Amino acid sequence: MANGNRLTWGVVYLLFGAAFTFFAVYEGRETMWNATTILLSALAAFDIQNALFHFLRMIRKR
């Protein structure tokens, strides 16, 4: 995978992680621990982890 492609996917995953975090916080205003909040938080954690993975792989390849 080319470095530019890793950067693109890293940014995409980071944006999705930020969006899922925003929606989880917005959804958690009434009650924090409902199924929607937990699902969105898990998706956000997965996306942010993947973003960091792509960024770190890009840095190591240089």
Foldseek 3Di string as FASTA:
>chain_A
DDLVVLQVLLVVLQVLLVVLQVVLVVVPPVPNDDPSNVVSNVSSVVSNVSSVVSVVVSVVVD
